Amino acid sequence: MDGKMNEKRFTESSISEDAIFSKCLNGIFEKSNELARLYNVIVVVMIVSFTGKPFLFKSPSSLELVRILKLQKTLYSVMKDLVYEKERAKVLKKRHQEFLQKYEVKEIKNMKMDEAITFRDNLKALQEIIKRKKMDIEDLSSQKE
């Protein structure tokens, strides 16, 4: 029975020592952080517990903080642009749908084969009209000279 009591005391003692160590560790790291900020220096603290586990604290340098702030600024700008582009995409999609309805045009992906062939032929005819008009304009401009 005496051995069980000592074992129980040891366990309670171990738990309280861990709690004390943890509080001390946090306190040392907080003070290290305060010193680093106050004097604008890099502080590195390494503490090895009584069980051999290492604990490391490294304060951020001012250059690292500046880099982080620049990255955050860039991220904010990109996120703002993304929101703008999403809104723009909605507007363009709505305009596209209105155009299709107004002129009773189907999207190419929704056309049947014969409709696509007719559409292609109409485009070729339009190209020819544009070529002729371009040649007429060039002829008129060369006559003026």
C-alpha atoms as a PDB file:
ATOM      1  CA  MET A   1       0.000   0.000   0.000  1.00  0.00           C
ATOM      2  CA  ASP A   2       2.898   2.304   0.730  1.00  0.00           C
ATOM      3  CA  GLY A   3       4.207   1.817  -2.830  1.00  0.00           C
ATOM      4  CA  LYS A   4       0.857   2.814  -4.345  1.00  0.00           C
ATOM      5  CA  MET A   5       0.758   5.994  -2.262  1.00  0.00           C
ATOM      6  CA  ASN A   6       4.261   7.001  -3.410  1.00  0.00           C
ATOM      7  CA  GLU A   7       3.283   6.259  -7.017  1.00  0.00           C
ATOM      8  CA  LYS A   8       0.190   8.451  -6.663  1.00  0.00           C
ATOM      9  CA  ARG A   9       2.207  11.295  -5.128  1.00  0.00           C
ATOM     10  CA  PHE A  10       4.764  10.985  -7.918  1.00  0.00           C
ATOM     11  CA  THR A  11       2.021  11.232 -10.582  1.00  0.00           C
ATOM     12  CA  GLU A  12       0.428  14.275  -8.930  1.00  0.00           C
ATOM     13  CA  SER A  13       3.862  15.805  -8.499  1.00  0.00           C
ATOM     14  CA  SER A  14       4.664  15.144 -12.166  1.00  0.00           C
ATOM     15  CA  ILE A  15       1.433  16.810 -13.312  1.00  0.00           C
ATOM     16  CA  SER A  16       2.045  19.881 -11.185  1.00  0.00           C
ATOM     17  CA  GLU A  17       5.653  20.077 -12.388  1.00  0.00           C
ATOM     18  CA  ASP A  18       4.438  19.929 -16.003  1.00  0.00           C
ATOM     19  CA  ALA A  19       1.936  22.718 -15.319  1.00  0.00           C
ATOM     20  CA  ILE A  20       4.599  24.854 -13.638  1.00  0.00           C
ATOM     21  CA  PHE A  21       7.064  24.191 -16.459  1.00  0.00           C
ATOM     22  CA  SER A  22       4.445  25.091 -19.066  1.00  0.00           C
ATOM     23  CA  LYS A  23       3.594  28.373 -17.309  1.00  0.00           C
ATOM     24  CA  CYS A  24       7.273  29.254 -16.948  1.00  0.00           C
ATOM     25  CA  LEU A  25       7.900  28.393 -20.586  1.00  0.00           C
ATOM     26  CA  ASN A  26       5.040  30.614 -21.759  1.00  0.00           C
ATOM     27  CA  GLY A  27       6.235  33.431 -19.495  1.00  0.00           C
ATOM     28  CA  ILE A  28       9.793  33.223 -20.838  1.00  0.00           C
ATOM     29  CA  PHE A  29       8.551  33.195 -24.434  1.00  0.00           C
ATOM     30  CA  GLU A  30       6.270  36.194 -23.780  1.00  0.00           C
ATOM     31  CA  LYS A  31       9.164  38.157 -22.258  1.00  0.00           C
ATOM     32  CA  SER A  32      11.380  37.185 -25.203  1.00  0.00           C
ATOM     33  CA  ASN A  33       8.755  38.446 -27.614  1.00  0.00           C
ATOM     34  CA  GLU A  34       8.436  41.729 -25.683  1.00  0.00           C
ATOM     35  CA  LEU A  35      12.216  42.237 -25.768  1.00  0.00           C
ATOM     36  CA  ALA A  36      12.335  41.500 -29.488  1.00  0.00           C
ATOM     37  CA  ARG A  37       9.620  44.035 -30.231  1.00  0.00           C
ATOM     38  CA  LEU A  38      10.959  46.660 -27.816  1.00  0.00           C
ATOM     39  CA  TYR A  39      14.517  46.608 -29.181  1.00  0.00           C
ATOM     40  CA  ASN A  40      13.662  45.478 -32.733  1.00  0.00           C
ATOM     41  CA  VAL A  41      15.969  42.474 -32.580  1.00  0.00           C
ATOM     42  CA  ILE A  42      15.684  38.793 -33.345  1.00  0.00           C
ATOM     43  CA  VAL A  43      15.466  36.668 -30.212  1.00  0.00           C
ATOM     44  CA  VAL A  44      15.923  32.912 -30.237  1.00  0.00           C
ATOM     45  CA  VAL A  45      15.278  30.946 -27.065  1.00  0.00           C
ATOM     46  CA  MET A  46      15.721  27.208 -26.752  1.00  0.00           C
ATOM     47  CA  ILE A  47      14.689  25.458 -23.575  1.00  0.00           C
ATOM     48  CA  VAL A  48      15.090  21.760 -22.966  1.00  0.00           C
ATOM     49  CA  SER A  49      12.648  20.256 -20.478  1.00  0.00           C
ATOM     50  CA  PHE A  50      13.698  17.851 -17.750  1.00  0.00           C
ATOM     51  CA  THR A  51      12.430  15.030 -19.985  1.00  0.00           C
ATOM     52  CA  GLY A  52      14.744  16.147 -22.804  1.00  0.00           C
ATOM     53  CA  LYS A  53      12.104  17.693 -25.057  1.00  0.00           C
ATOM     54  CA  PRO A  54      13.335  20.903 -26.716  1.00  0.00           C
ATOM     55  CA  PHE A  55      11.135  24.021 -26.939  1.00  0.00           C
ATOM     56  CA  LEU A  56      12.094  26.773 -29.379  1.00  0.00           C
ATOM     57  CA  PHE A  57      10.965  30.380 -29.665  1.00  0.00           C
ATOM     58  CA  LYS A  58      12.040  32.684 -32.504  1.00  0.00           C
ATOM     59  CA  SER A  59      10.780  36.230 -32.755  1.00  0.00           C
ATOM     60  CA  PRO A  60       9.961  37.532 -36.203  1.00  0.00           C
ATOM     61  CA  SER A  61      12.412  40.079 -37.553  1.00  0.00           C
ATOM     62  CA  SER A  62      11.223  43.451 -38.810  1.00  0.00           C
ATOM     63  CA  LEU A  63      12.192  42.434 -42.363  1.00  0.00           C
ATOM     64  CA  GLU A  64      10.040  39.328 -42.100  1.00  0.00           C
ATOM     65  CA  LEU A  65       7.158  41.445 -40.808  1.00  0.00           C
ATOM     66  CA  VAL A  66       7.553  43.897 -43.696  1.00  0.00           C
ATOM     67  CA  ARG A  67       7.575  40.998 -46.161  1.00  0.00           C
ATOM     68  CA  ILE A  68       4.468  39.530 -44.555  1.00  0.00           C
ATOM     69  CA  LEU A  69       2.687  42.899 -44.684  1.00  0.00           C
ATOM     70  CA  LYS A  70       3.584  43.315 -48.363  1.00  0.00           C
ATOM     71  CA  LEU A  71       2.281  39.834 -49.124  1.00  0.00           C
ATOM     72  CA  GLN A  72      -0.928  40.579 -47.235  1.00  0.00           C
ATOM     73  CA  LYS A  73      -1.339  43.805 -49.218  1.00  0.00           C
ATOM     74  CA  THR A  74      -0.829  41.907 -52.481  1.00  0.00           C
ATOM     75  CA  LEU A  75      -3.272  39.222 -51.378  1.00  0.00           C
ATOM     76  CA  TYR A  76      -5.866  41.864 -50.507  1.00  0.00           C
ATOM     77  CA  SER A  77      -5.408  43.484 -53.922  1.00  0.00           C
ATOM     78  CA  VAL A  78      -5.764  40.141 -55.720  1.00  0.00           C
ATOM     79  CA  MET A  79      -8.860  39.256 -53.707  1.00  0.00           C
ATOM     80  CA  LYS A  80     -10.379  42.648 -54.539  1.00  0.00           C
ATOM     81  CA  ASP A  81      -9.645  42.082 -58.243  1.00  0.00           C
ATOM     82  CA  LEU A  82     -11.164  38.615 -58.037  1.00  0.00           C
ATOM     83  CA  VAL A  83     -14.413  39.979 -56.595  1.00  0.00           C
ATOM     84  CA  TYR A  84     -14.503  42.607 -59.363  1.00  0.00           C
ATOM     85  CA  GLU A  85     -13.906  39.985 -62.079  1.00  0.00           C
ATOM     86  CA  LYS A  86     -16.620  37.724 -60.673  1.00  0.00           C
ATOM     87  CA  GLU A  87     -19.116  40.610 -60.818  1.00  0.00           C
ATOM     88  CA  ARG A  88     -17.927  41.467 -64.329  1.00  0.00           C
ATOM     89  CA  ALA A  89     -18.413  37.849 -65.407  1.00  0.00           C
ATOM     90  CA  LYS A  90     -21.993  37.919 -64.133  1.00  0.00           C
ATOM     91  CA  VAL A  91     -22.732  41.106 -66.104  1.00  0.00           C
ATOM     92  CA  LEU A  92     -21.138  39.727 -69.281  1.00  0.00           C
ATOM     93  CA  LYS A  93     -23.038  36.453 -68.983  1.00  0.00           C
ATOM     94  CA  LYS A  94     -26.304  38.344 -68.535  1.00  0.00           C
ATOM     95  CA  ARG A  95     -25.569  40.541 -71.581  1.00  0.00           C
ATOM     96  CA  HIS A  96     -24.690  37.472 -73.619  1.00  0.00           C
ATOM     97  CA  GLN A  97     -27.986  35.801 -72.729  1.00  0.00           C
ATOM     98  CA  GLU A  98     -29.900  38.995 -73.581  1.00  0.00           C
ATOM     99  CA  PHE A  99     -28.116  39.177 -76.949  1.00  0.00           C
ATOM    100  CA  LEU A 100     -28.970  35.570 -77.743  1.00  0.00           C
ATOM    101  CA  GLN A 101     -32.621  36.142 -76.883  1.00  0.00           C
ATOM    102  CA  LYS A 102     -32.867  39.490 -78.716  1.00  0.00           C
ATOM    103  CA  TYR A 103     -31.484  38.179 -81.993  1.00  0.00           C
ATOM    104  CA  GLU A 104     -32.857  34.667 -81.562  1.00  0.00           C
ATOM    105  CA  VAL A 105     -29.422  33.150 -81.922  1.00  0.00           C
ATOM    106  CA  LYS A 106     -28.358  29.814 -80.520  1.00  0.00           C
ATOM    107  CA  GLU A 107     -24.965  29.189 -79.035  1.00  0.00           C
ATOM    108  CA  ILE A 108     -22.809  27.032 -81.286  1.00  0.00           C
ATOM    109  CA  LYS A 109     -22.674  24.265 -78.705  1.00  0.00           C
ATOM    110  CA  ASN A 110     -26.503  24.098 -78.752  1.00  0.00           C
ATOM    111  CA  MET A 111     -26.856  24.016 -82.569  1.00  0.00           C
ATOM    112  CA  LYS A 112     -27.730  20.980 -84.571  1.00  0.00           C
ATOM    113  CA  MET A 113     -25.408  19.979 -87.421  1.00  0.00           C
ATOM    114  CA  ASP A 114     -27.550  21.506 -90.191  1.00  0.00           C
ATOM    115  CA  GLU A 115     -27.903  24.771 -88.222  1.00  0.00           C
ATOM    116  CA  ALA A 116     -24.120  24.912 -87.737  1.00  0.00           C
ATOM    117  CA  ILE A 117     -23.532  24.371 -91.481  1.00  0.00           C
ATOM    118  CA  THR A 118     -26.007  27.140 -92.342  1.00  0.00           C
ATOM    119  CA  PHE A 119     -24.292  29.410 -89.823  1.00  0.00           C
ATOM    120  CA  ARG A 120     -20.894  28.653 -91.390  1.00  0.00           C
ATOM    121  CA  ASP A 121     -22.213  29.419 -94.885  1.00  0.00           C
ATOM    122  CA  ASN A 122     -23.671  32.721 -93.665  1.00  0.00           C
ATOM    123  CA  LEU A 123     -20.304  33.632 -92.137  1.00  0.00           C
ATOM    124  CA  LYS A 124     -18.517  32.878 -95.420  1.00  0.00           C
ATOM    125  CA  ALA A 125     -21.026  35.050 -97.314  1.00  0.00           C
ATOM    126  CA  LEU A 126     -20.449  37.849 -94.796  1.00  0.00           C
ATOM    127  CA  GLN A 127     -16.674  37.537 -95.266  1.00  0.00           C
ATOM    128  CA  GLU A 128     -17.094  37.941 -99.007  1.00  0.00           C
ATOM    129  CA  ILE A 129     -19.252  41.049 -98.545  1.00  0.00           C
ATOM    130  CA  ILE A 130     -16.636  42.554 -96.234  1.00  0.00           C
ATOM    131  CA  LYS A 131     -13.818  41.785 -98.722  1.00  0.00           C
ATOM    132  CA  ARG A 132     -15.750  43.473-101.532  1.00  0.00           C
ATOM    133  CA  LYS A 133     -16.489  46.551 -99.433  1.00  0.00           C
ATOM    134  CA  LYS A 134     -12.832  46.755 -98.394  1.00  0.00           C
ATOM    135  CA  MET A 135     -11.737  46.581-102.032  1.00  0.00           C
ATOM    136  CA  ASP A 136     -14.279  49.291-102.950  1.00  0.00           C
ATOM    137  CA  ILE A 137     -12.925  51.559-100.222  1.00  0.00           C
ATOM    138  CA  GLU A 138      -9.333  50.951-101.344  1.00  0.00           C
ATOM    139  CA  ASP A 139     -10.296  51.719-104.949  1.00  0.00           C
ATOM    140  CA  LEU A 140     -11.978  54.965-103.903  1.00  0.00           C
ATOM    141  CA  SER A 141      -8.997  56.032-101.796  1.00  0.00           C
ATOM    142  CA  SER A 142      -6.544  55.273-104.650  1.00  0.00           C
ATOM    143  CA  GLN A 143      -8.671  57.298-107.115  1.00  0.00           C
ATOM    144  CA  LYS A 144      -8.516  60.373-104.841  1.00  0.00           C
ATOM    145  CA  GLU A 145      -4.737  60.321-104.879  1.00  0.00           C
END
